[in-house]
Amino acid sequence: MNELSLFTGAGGGLLATHSLGWVPVGYVEFDDYCQRVLAQRIKDGLIPVAPIFGDIRAFNGEGYAASYTGLVDIITAGFPCQPFSVAGKGEAENDPRNMWPPTIECIRLVRPRYALLENVPGLLAHEYTRAIFGELAEAGYDARWCVLGADDAGANHRRKRLWIWAWRRDV
């Protein structure tokens, strides 16, 4: 499956999806340090060669997202958790760090068959969760969610994460 990775970070998730046989066709990551790590991982052959883009809002607004229409099977996105985190201010949609709006915009522009979204379980405590699922539905996607911890995969710590699996209704 061709993957467009949003909020790629240093690429830890990419190492997992690459092991599934997914092929990244683009990386979108705002942080300069993480971009350098991604570039080095490409140079070292740990992840496939693909363009590295910066701010997702520019990626959408400058036409890059639309250029991926028909080329992407899945968008993966661990959009920033601070607006929804217990450790954050909990301002959800009012937090300037809320990157859900550009995430759903990218999904609408690219129209992948699937989207795999990751965030903190605290997101479920916000009314904003209804907006997220509502916007996915309006964009033509059905979705399910679950909360899994690192310990569910055999790790010796309990870092719980919310996972949302969305699929286009016409798939």
N, C-alpha and C. Protein backbone atom coordinates (compact mmCIF):
# COMPACT_ATOMS: atom_id res chain seq x y z
N MET A 1 0.85 -1.18 0.00
CA MET A 1 0.00 0.00 0.00
C MET A 1 0.88 1.23 0.00
N ASN A 2 0.52 2.21 -0.78
CA ASN A 2 1.23 3.49 -0.79
C ASN A 2 0.74 4.35 0.37
N GLU A 3 1.68 4.83 1.18
CA GLU A 3 1.36 5.57 2.40
C GLU A 3 1.83 7.01 2.29
N LEU A 4 0.95 7.92 2.66
CA LEU A 4 1.32 9.32 2.87
C LEU A 4 1.34 9.53 4.37
N SER A 5 2.50 9.86 4.90
CA SER A 5 2.69 9.98 6.34
C SER A 5 2.63 11.45 6.76
N LEU A 6 1.63 11.78 7.58
CA LEU A 6 1.50 13.13 8.12
C LEU A 6 2.01 13.14 9.55
N PHE A 7 2.63 14.25 9.96
CA PHE A 7 3.19 14.37 11.32
C PHE A 7 4.13 13.19 11.58
N THR A 8 5.03 12.98 10.65
CA THR A 8 5.88 11.80 10.61
C THR A 8 6.81 11.70 11.81
N GLY A 9 7.17 12.82 12.40
CA GLY A 9 8.14 12.79 13.49
C GLY A 9 9.47 12.29 12.97
N ALA A 10 10.18 11.52 13.80
CA ALA A 10 11.48 10.99 13.40
C ALA A 10 11.35 9.68 12.65
N GLY A 11 10.12 9.22 12.43
CA GLY A 11 9.90 8.06 11.59
C GLY A 11 9.74 6.73 12.29
N GLY A 12 9.52 6.73 13.59
CA GLY A 12 9.33 5.46 14.31
C GLY A 12 8.16 4.66 13.76
N GLY A 13 7.05 5.33 13.52
CA GLY A 13 5.88 4.65 12.95
C GLY A 13 6.15 4.12 11.56
N LEU A 14 6.97 4.85 10.81
CA LEU A 14 7.31 4.42 9.45
C LEU A 14 8.06 3.10 9.45
N LEU A 15 8.91 2.91 10.45
CA LEU A 15 9.65 1.66 10.53
C LEU A 15 8.68 0.49 10.68
N ALA A 16 7.59 0.72 11.43
CA ALA A 16 6.58 -0.32 11.61
C ALA A 16 5.79 -0.54 10.32
N THR A 17 5.31 0.54 9.70
CA THR A 17 4.50 0.37 8.49
C THR A 17 5.34 -0.17 7.34
N HIS A 18 6.60 0.21 7.29
CA HIS A 18 7.50 -0.31 6.26
C HIS A 18 7.66 -1.83 6.42
N SER A 19 7.69 -2.30 7.67
CA SER A 19 7.81 -3.74 7.91
C SER A 19 6.56 -4.49 7.46
N LEU A 20 5.43 -3.77 7.32
CA LEU A 20 4.20 -4.36 6.79
C LEU A 20 4.17 -4.38 5.27
N GLY A 21 5.18 -3.77 4.67
CA GLY A 21 5.24 -3.70 3.22
C GLY A 21 4.64 -2.43 2.64
N TRP A 22 4.23 -1.50 3.51
CA TRP A 22 3.70 -0.24 3.02
C TRP A 22 4.85 0.60 2.46
N VAL A 23 4.57 1.35 1.42
CA VAL A 23 5.59 2.15 0.76
C VAL A 23 5.27 3.63 0.93
N PRO A 24 6.08 4.34 1.70
CA PRO A 24 5.84 5.78 1.86
C PRO A 24 6.09 6.51 0.54
N VAL A 25 5.14 7.38 0.17
CA VAL A 25 5.29 8.17 -1.05
C VAL A 25 5.47 9.65 -0.72
N GLY A 26 5.40 9.99 0.57
CA GLY A 26 5.61 11.36 1.01
C GLY A 26 5.58 11.44 2.52
N TYR A 27 6.38 12.36 3.05
CA TYR A 27 6.46 12.59 4.49
C TYR A 27 6.12 14.05 4.73
N VAL A 28 5.24 14.32 5.69
CA VAL A 28 4.89 15.69 6.05
C VAL A 28 5.25 15.88 7.52
N GLU A 29 6.24 16.70 7.78
CA GLU A 29 6.74 16.92 9.14
C GLU A 29 7.23 18.35 9.29
N PHE A 30 6.69 19.05 10.26
CA PHE A 30 6.98 20.46 10.49
C PHE A 30 8.34 20.69 11.15
N ASP A 31 8.73 19.82 12.07
CA ASP A 31 9.92 20.01 12.89
C ASP A 31 11.21 19.81 12.09
N ASP A 32 12.09 20.81 12.13
CA ASP A 32 13.34 20.76 11.37
C ASP A 32 14.23 19.59 11.78
N TYR A 33 14.35 19.35 13.09
CA TYR A 33 15.19 18.25 13.55
C TYR A 33 14.66 16.91 13.01
N CYS A 34 13.36 16.72 13.12
CA CYS A 34 12.76 15.48 12.62
C CYS A 34 12.95 15.34 11.12
N GLN A 35 12.88 16.44 10.40
CA GLN A 35 13.13 16.39 8.95
C GLN A 35 14.56 15.91 8.67
N ARG A 36 15.50 16.38 9.48
CA ARG A 36 16.90 15.96 9.30
C ARG A 36 17.06 14.46 9.61
N VAL A 37 16.37 14.00 10.66
CA VAL A 37 16.41 12.57 10.99
C VAL A 37 15.83 11.75 9.84
N LEU A 38 14.69 12.18 9.30
CA LEU A 38 14.09 11.48 8.17
C LEU A 38 15.05 11.43 6.98
N ALA A 39 15.67 12.56 6.68
CA ALA A 39 16.62 12.61 5.56
C ALA A 39 17.77 11.64 5.79
N GLN A 40 18.25 11.55 7.02
CA GLN A 40 19.34 10.62 7.33
C GLN A 40 18.87 9.18 7.21
N ARG A 41 17.65 8.90 7.67
CA ARG A 41 17.11 7.54 7.55
C ARG A 41 16.95 7.13 6.09
N ILE A 42 16.59 8.10 5.24
CA ILE A 42 16.52 7.83 3.80
C ILE A 42 17.93 7.52 3.29
N LYS A 43 18.89 8.37 3.65
CA LYS A 43 20.28 8.19 3.21
C LYS A 43 20.83 6.84 3.66
N ASP A 44 20.46 6.42 4.89
CA ASP A 44 20.94 5.15 5.44
C ASP A 44 20.17 3.95 4.88
N GLY A 45 19.13 4.21 4.10
CA GLY A 45 18.35 3.12 3.52
C GLY A 45 17.33 2.50 4.47
N LEU A 46 17.06 3.15 5.59
CA LEU A 46 16.10 2.61 6.55
C LEU A 46 14.66 2.84 6.13
N ILE A 47 14.43 3.93 5.41
CA ILE A 47 13.09 4.21 4.87
C ILE A 47 13.25 4.61 3.41
N PRO A 48 12.22 4.37 2.61
CA PRO A 48 12.33 4.67 1.17
C PRO A 48 12.46 6.16 0.87
N VAL A 49 13.06 6.43 -0.27
CA VAL A 49 13.18 7.80 -0.77
C VAL A 49 11.79 8.31 -1.11
N ALA A 50 11.45 9.46 -0.57
CA ALA A 50 10.18 10.15 -0.87
C ALA A 50 10.36 11.59 -0.44
N PRO A 51 9.59 12.51 -1.01
CA PRO A 51 9.72 13.91 -0.63
C PRO A 51 9.36 14.14 0.83
N ILE A 52 10.08 15.08 1.45
CA ILE A 52 9.78 15.52 2.81
C ILE A 52 9.22 16.93 2.71
N PHE A 53 7.99 17.09 3.16
CA PHE A 53 7.33 18.39 3.16
C PHE A 53 7.29 18.92 4.58
N GLY A 54 7.11 20.23 4.73
CA GLY A 54 7.06 20.86 6.04
C GLY A 54 5.64 20.96 6.59
N ASP A 55 5.18 22.15 6.79
CA ASP A 55 3.88 22.43 7.41
C ASP A 55 2.73 21.83 6.60
N ILE A 56 1.87 21.08 7.25
CA ILE A 56 0.74 20.45 6.57
C ILE A 56 -0.20 21.49 5.96
N ARG A 57 -0.30 22.65 6.59
CA ARG A 57 -1.19 23.69 6.03
C ARG A 57 -0.67 24.16 4.68
N ALA A 58 0.64 24.31 4.54
CA ALA A 58 1.23 24.67 3.24
C ALA A 58 1.11 23.49 2.27
N PHE A 59 1.31 22.29 2.76
CA PHE A 59 1.18 21.09 1.93
C PHE A 59 -0.20 21.05 1.28
N ASN A 60 -1.22 21.35 2.06
CA ASN A 60 -2.59 21.39 1.53
C ASN A 60 -2.80 22.59 0.62
N GLY A 61 -2.44 23.76 1.12
CA GLY A 61 -2.75 25.02 0.45
C GLY A 61 -2.00 25.27 -0.83
N GLU A 62 -0.81 24.70 -0.96
CA GLU A 62 0.01 24.93 -2.15
C GLU A 62 -0.16 23.85 -3.22
N GLY A 63 -1.15 22.98 -3.03
CA GLY A 63 -1.49 22.00 -4.06
C GLY A 63 -0.76 20.68 -3.99
N TYR A 64 0.15 20.52 -3.03
CA TYR A 64 0.88 19.26 -2.94
C TYR A 64 -0.05 18.10 -2.58
N ALA A 65 -0.94 18.31 -1.62
CA ALA A 65 -1.85 17.24 -1.22
C ALA A 65 -2.67 16.77 -2.41
N ALA A 66 -3.25 17.70 -3.13
CA ALA A 66 -4.09 17.34 -4.28
C ALA A 66 -3.30 16.57 -5.34
N SER A 67 -2.00 16.81 -5.42
CA SER A 67 -1.18 16.10 -6.41
C SER A 67 -1.04 14.61 -6.08
N TYR A 68 -1.38 14.23 -4.86
CA TYR A 68 -1.30 12.82 -4.44
C TYR A 68 -2.62 12.07 -4.66
N THR A 69 -3.66 12.76 -5.12
CA THR A 69 -4.95 12.10 -5.35
C THR A 69 -4.77 10.95 -6.33
N GLY A 70 -5.27 9.78 -5.93
CA GLY A 70 -5.16 8.59 -6.77
C GLY A 70 -3.86 7.83 -6.60
N LEU A 71 -2.92 8.37 -5.85
CA LEU A 71 -1.61 7.72 -5.67
C LEU A 71 -1.43 7.11 -4.29
N VAL A 72 -2.34 7.41 -3.37
CA VAL A 72 -2.17 7.04 -1.97
C VAL A 72 -3.28 6.07 -1.54
N ASP A 73 -2.88 4.94 -0.96
CA ASP A 73 -3.84 3.99 -0.42
C ASP A 73 -4.23 4.34 1.01
N ILE A 74 -3.25 4.84 1.77
CA ILE A 74 -3.50 5.11 3.18
C ILE A 74 -2.76 6.37 3.63
N ILE A 75 -3.44 7.18 4.41
CA ILE A 75 -2.81 8.29 5.12
C ILE A 75 -2.66 7.86 6.56
N THR A 76 -1.46 8.01 7.10
CA THR A 76 -1.24 7.79 8.52
C THR A 76 -0.97 9.15 9.15
N ALA A 77 -1.55 9.37 10.32
CA ALA A 77 -1.40 10.69 10.95
C ALA A 77 -1.54 10.57 12.46
N GLY A 78 -0.47 10.88 13.16
CA GLY A 78 -0.51 11.04 14.60
C GLY A 78 -0.55 12.54 14.87
N PHE A 79 -1.72 13.14 14.61
CA PHE A 79 -1.81 14.60 14.73
C PHE A 79 -1.56 15.02 16.18
N PRO A 80 -0.97 16.20 16.39
CA PRO A 80 -0.51 16.61 17.72
C PRO A 80 -1.56 16.43 18.81
N CYS A 81 -1.09 15.89 19.94
CA CYS A 81 -2.00 15.52 21.02
C CYS A 81 -2.19 16.60 22.08
N GLN A 82 -1.35 17.63 22.10
CA GLN A 82 -1.41 18.60 23.19
C GLN A 82 -2.80 19.20 23.41
N PRO A 83 -3.59 19.47 22.36
CA PRO A 83 -4.91 20.04 22.60
C PRO A 83 -5.86 19.10 23.34
N PHE A 84 -5.54 17.79 23.38
CA PHE A 84 -6.44 16.80 23.95
C PHE A 84 -5.84 16.05 25.13
N SER A 85 -4.57 16.30 25.41
CA SER A 85 -3.83 15.56 26.42
C SER A 85 -4.18 16.02 27.82
N VAL A 86 -4.14 15.07 28.76
CA VAL A 86 -4.33 15.40 30.18
C VAL A 86 -3.24 16.36 30.62
N ALA A 87 -2.04 16.21 30.08
CA ALA A 87 -0.91 17.07 30.44
C ALA A 87 -1.00 18.44 29.77
N GLY A 88 -1.80 18.55 28.71
CA GLY A 88 -1.95 19.82 28.00
C GLY A 88 -3.03 20.68 28.63
N LYS A 89 -3.43 21.71 27.93
CA LYS A 89 -4.44 22.63 28.45
C LYS A 89 -5.86 22.14 28.20
N GLY A 90 -6.02 21.13 27.37
CA GLY A 90 -7.34 20.57 27.10
C GLY A 90 -8.26 21.51 26.36
N GLU A 91 -7.69 22.39 25.53
CA GLU A 91 -8.51 23.38 24.83
C GLU A 91 -9.09 22.85 23.52
N ALA A 92 -8.73 21.64 23.15
CA ALA A 92 -9.26 20.97 21.96
C ALA A 92 -9.27 21.88 20.74
N GLU A 93 -10.46 22.12 20.17
CA GLU A 93 -10.54 22.89 18.92
C GLU A 93 -10.10 24.34 19.07
N ASN A 94 -10.04 24.85 20.29
CA ASN A 94 -9.62 26.24 20.52
C ASN A 94 -8.11 26.39 20.68
N ASP A 95 -7.40 25.29 20.70
CA ASP A 95 -5.95 25.30 20.86
C ASP A 95 -5.30 25.56 19.49
N PRO A 96 -4.41 26.55 19.39
CA PRO A 96 -3.78 26.82 18.09
C PRO A 96 -2.93 25.65 17.57
N ARG A 97 -2.60 24.71 18.44
CA ARG A 97 -1.83 23.53 18.01
C ARG A 97 -2.73 22.42 17.45
N ASN A 98 -4.03 22.64 17.45
CA ASN A 98 -4.96 21.64 16.93
C ASN A 98 -4.75 21.47 15.43
N MET A 99 -4.27 20.33 15.04
CA MET A 99 -3.98 20.07 13.63
C MET A 99 -5.00 19.11 13.00
N TRP A 100 -6.13 18.87 13.69
CA TRP A 100 -7.16 18.06 13.06
C TRP A 100 -7.72 18.73 11.80
N PRO A 101 -8.04 20.03 11.81
CA PRO A 101 -8.60 20.63 10.59
C PRO A 101 -7.72 20.43 9.35
N PRO A 102 -6.40 20.67 9.40
CA PRO A 102 -5.62 20.39 8.19
C PRO A 102 -5.48 18.89 7.89
N THR A 103 -5.63 18.05 8.92
CA THR A 103 -5.57 16.60 8.68
C THR A 103 -6.77 16.16 7.86
N ILE A 104 -7.98 16.55 8.27
CA ILE A 104 -9.17 16.15 7.52
C ILE A 104 -9.18 16.82 6.15
N GLU A 105 -8.63 18.03 6.05
CA GLU A 105 -8.54 18.68 4.74
C GLU A 105 -7.66 17.85 3.81
N CYS A 106 -6.55 17.35 4.32
CA CYS A 106 -5.65 16.52 3.51
C CYS A 106 -6.35 15.23 3.09
N ILE A 107 -7.07 14.62 4.01
CA ILE A 107 -7.82 13.40 3.67
C ILE A 107 -8.83 13.70 2.56
N ARG A 108 -9.52 14.82 2.67
CA ARG A 108 -10.49 15.19 1.62
C ARG A 108 -9.81 15.43 0.27
N LEU A 109 -8.65 16.04 0.29
CA LEU A 109 -7.94 16.34 -0.96
C LEU A 109 -7.34 15.09 -1.61
N VAL A 110 -6.76 14.23 -0.81
CA VAL A 110 -6.04 13.06 -1.33
C VAL A 110 -7.00 11.90 -1.64
N ARG A 111 -8.04 11.73 -0.83
CA ARG A 111 -9.03 10.66 -0.98
C ARG A 111 -8.40 9.25 -0.92
N PRO A 112 -7.59 8.98 0.12
CA PRO A 112 -7.02 7.63 0.22
C PRO A 112 -8.13 6.62 0.52
N ARG A 113 -7.85 5.36 0.29
CA ARG A 113 -8.83 4.32 0.64
C ARG A 113 -8.99 4.23 2.15
N TYR A 114 -7.89 4.47 2.88
CA TYR A 114 -7.89 4.31 4.33
C TYR A 114 -7.17 5.47 4.99
N ALA A 115 -7.48 5.65 6.28
CA ALA A 115 -6.71 6.56 7.13
C ALA A 115 -6.51 5.87 8.47
N LEU A 116 -5.31 5.92 8.98
CA LEU A 116 -4.99 5.39 10.30
C LEU A 116 -4.51 6.57 11.13
N LEU A 117 -5.30 6.92 12.14
CA LEU A 117 -5.04 8.11 12.95
C LEU A 117 -4.69 7.69 14.37
N GLU A 118 -3.78 8.42 14.99
CA GLU A 118 -3.32 8.09 16.35
C GLU A 118 -3.32 9.35 17.19
N ASN A 119 -3.74 9.19 18.46
CA ASN A 119 -3.74 10.31 19.39
C ASN A 119 -3.83 9.77 20.81
N VAL A 120 -4.01 10.67 21.75
CA VAL A 120 -4.13 10.27 23.16
C VAL A 120 -5.56 9.85 23.45
N PRO A 121 -5.75 8.89 24.37
CA PRO A 121 -7.11 8.49 24.74
C PRO A 121 -7.94 9.65 25.30
N GLY A 122 -7.26 10.68 25.84
CA GLY A 122 -7.98 11.84 26.37
C GLY A 122 -8.84 12.53 25.32
N LEU A 123 -8.54 12.32 24.06
CA LEU A 123 -9.36 12.88 22.99
C LEU A 123 -10.80 12.42 23.12
N LEU A 124 -11.01 11.19 23.59
CA LEU A 124 -12.36 10.64 23.72
C LEU A 124 -13.19 11.39 24.75
N ALA A 125 -12.55 12.08 25.68
CA ALA A 125 -13.26 12.82 26.72
C ALA A 125 -13.79 14.16 26.24
N HIS A 126 -13.39 14.57 25.05
CA HIS A 126 -13.79 15.87 24.51
C HIS A 126 -14.98 15.72 23.57
N GLU A 127 -15.88 16.67 23.64
CA GLU A 127 -16.99 16.73 22.69
C GLU A 127 -16.46 16.82 21.26
N TYR A 128 -15.26 17.33 21.11
CA TYR A 128 -14.64 17.50 19.79
C TYR A 128 -14.51 16.17 19.05
N THR A 129 -14.49 15.06 19.79
CA THR A 129 -14.42 13.75 19.16
C THR A 129 -15.58 13.55 18.19
N ARG A 130 -16.76 14.04 18.57
CA ARG A 130 -17.92 13.94 17.68
C ARG A 130 -17.66 14.67 16.36
N ALA A 131 -17.01 15.82 16.46
CA ALA A 131 -16.70 16.59 15.25
C ALA A 131 -15.74 15.80 14.36
N ILE A 132 -14.75 15.16 14.96
CA ILE A 132 -13.78 14.38 14.18
C ILE A 132 -14.48 13.26 13.43
N PHE A 133 -15.29 12.48 14.14
CA PHE A 133 -15.99 11.38 13.47
C PHE A 133 -17.03 11.90 12.48
N GLY A 134 -17.66 13.02 12.81
CA GLY A 134 -18.62 13.64 11.90
C GLY A 134 -17.97 14.11 10.62
N GLU A 135 -16.79 14.72 10.74
CA GLU A 135 -16.08 15.19 9.55
C GLU A 135 -15.57 14.04 8.70
N LEU A 136 -15.16 12.96 9.34
CA LEU A 136 -14.77 11.77 8.57
C LEU A 136 -15.99 11.25 7.79
N ALA A 137 -17.15 11.19 8.46
CA ALA A 137 -18.37 10.71 7.79
C ALA A 137 -18.75 11.62 6.63
N GLU A 138 -18.69 12.93 6.85
CA GLU A 138 -19.02 13.89 5.78
C GLU A 138 -18.07 13.74 4.59
N ALA A 139 -16.84 13.34 4.86
CA ALA A 139 -15.85 13.16 3.79
C ALA A 139 -16.01 11.81 3.08
N GLY A 140 -16.96 10.99 3.56
CA GLY A 140 -17.22 9.70 2.91
C GLY A 140 -16.54 8.51 3.54
N TYR A 141 -16.16 8.64 4.81
CA TYR A 141 -15.46 7.57 5.50
C TYR A 141 -16.27 7.03 6.67
N ASP A 142 -16.23 5.73 6.85
CA ASP A 142 -16.70 5.09 8.07
C ASP A 142 -15.46 4.89 8.94
N ALA A 143 -15.66 4.81 10.25
CA ALA A 143 -14.50 4.71 11.14
C ALA A 143 -14.84 3.93 12.40
N ARG A 144 -13.84 3.33 12.95
CA ARG A 144 -13.91 2.65 14.25
C ARG A 144 -12.67 3.06 15.04
N TRP A 145 -12.78 2.94 16.35
CA TRP A 145 -11.65 3.32 17.19
C TRP A 145 -11.40 2.24 18.24
N CYS A 146 -10.20 2.27 18.79
CA CYS A 146 -9.86 1.43 19.94
C CYS A 146 -8.71 2.12 20.68
N VAL A 147 -8.54 1.73 21.92
CA VAL A 147 -7.41 2.21 22.73
C VAL A 147 -6.52 1.00 23.01
N LEU A 148 -5.27 1.13 22.62
CA LEU A 148 -4.29 0.08 22.85
C LEU A 148 -3.08 0.69 23.54
N GLY A 149 -2.46 -0.10 24.39
CA GLY A 149 -1.25 0.34 25.06
C GLY A 149 -0.04 -0.41 24.53
N ALA A 150 1.11 0.14 24.80
CA ALA A 150 2.34 -0.54 24.40
C ALA A 150 2.40 -1.93 25.02
N ASP A 151 1.84 -2.07 26.22
CA ASP A 151 1.83 -3.37 26.88
C ASP A 151 0.98 -4.39 26.13
N ASP A 152 -0.01 -3.93 25.36
CA ASP A 152 -0.81 -4.85 24.55
C ASP A 152 0.01 -5.49 23.44
N ALA A 153 1.14 -4.87 23.11
CA ALA A 153 2.03 -5.41 22.07
C ALA A 153 3.26 -6.06 22.68
N GLY A 154 3.24 -6.25 24.01
CA GLY A 154 4.34 -6.94 24.67
C GLY A 154 5.38 -6.06 25.33
N ALA A 155 5.25 -4.75 25.23
CA ALA A 155 6.21 -3.85 25.89
C ALA A 155 5.96 -3.86 27.39
N ASN A 156 6.96 -3.46 28.16
CA ASN A 156 6.81 -3.50 29.61
C ASN A 156 6.40 -2.14 30.19
N HIS A 157 5.67 -1.36 29.43
CA HIS A 157 5.10 -0.11 29.94
C HIS A 157 3.72 0.09 29.33
N ARG A 158 2.93 0.99 29.92
CA ARG A 158 1.54 1.16 29.52
C ARG A 158 1.27 2.51 28.90
N ARG A 159 1.77 2.76 27.78
CA ARG A 159 1.50 4.03 27.09
C ARG A 159 0.29 3.82 26.19
N LYS A 160 -0.87 4.19 26.69
CA LYS A 160 -2.12 3.99 25.95
C LYS A 160 -2.25 5.01 24.83
N ARG A 161 -2.76 4.57 23.69
CA ARG A 161 -2.98 5.43 22.54
C ARG A 161 -4.34 5.13 21.93
N LEU A 162 -4.97 6.16 21.42
CA LEU A 162 -6.22 6.04 20.68
C LEU A 162 -5.87 5.80 19.22
N TRP A 163 -6.48 4.80 18.62
CA TRP A 163 -6.28 4.49 17.21
C TRP A 163 -7.63 4.58 16.51
N ILE A 164 -7.67 5.30 15.42
CA ILE A 164 -8.89 5.43 14.62
C ILE A 164 -8.58 4.88 13.23
N TRP A 165 -9.34 3.88 12.83
CA TRP A 165 -9.21 3.29 11.50
C TRP A 165 -10.40 3.76 10.68
N ALA A 166 -10.14 4.45 9.59
CA ALA A 166 -11.21 4.96 8.73
C ALA A 166 -11.04 4.38 7.33
N TRP A 167 -12.15 4.09 6.69
CA TRP A 167 -12.12 3.56 5.33
C TRP A 167 -13.19 4.24 4.50
N ARG A 168 -12.84 4.50 3.25
CA ARG A 168 -13.77 5.14 2.34
C ARG A 168 -14.94 4.19 2.08
N ARG A 169 -16.14 4.72 2.11
CA ARG A 169 -17.33 3.88 1.95
C ARG A 169 -17.39 3.17 0.61
N ASP A 170 -16.75 3.71 -0.40
CA ASP A 170 -16.82 3.08 -1.73
C ASP A 170 -15.73 2.03 -1.94
N VAL A 171 -14.99 1.71 -0.90
CA VAL A 171 -13.92 0.71 -1.01
C VAL A 171 -14.51 -0.68 -0.80
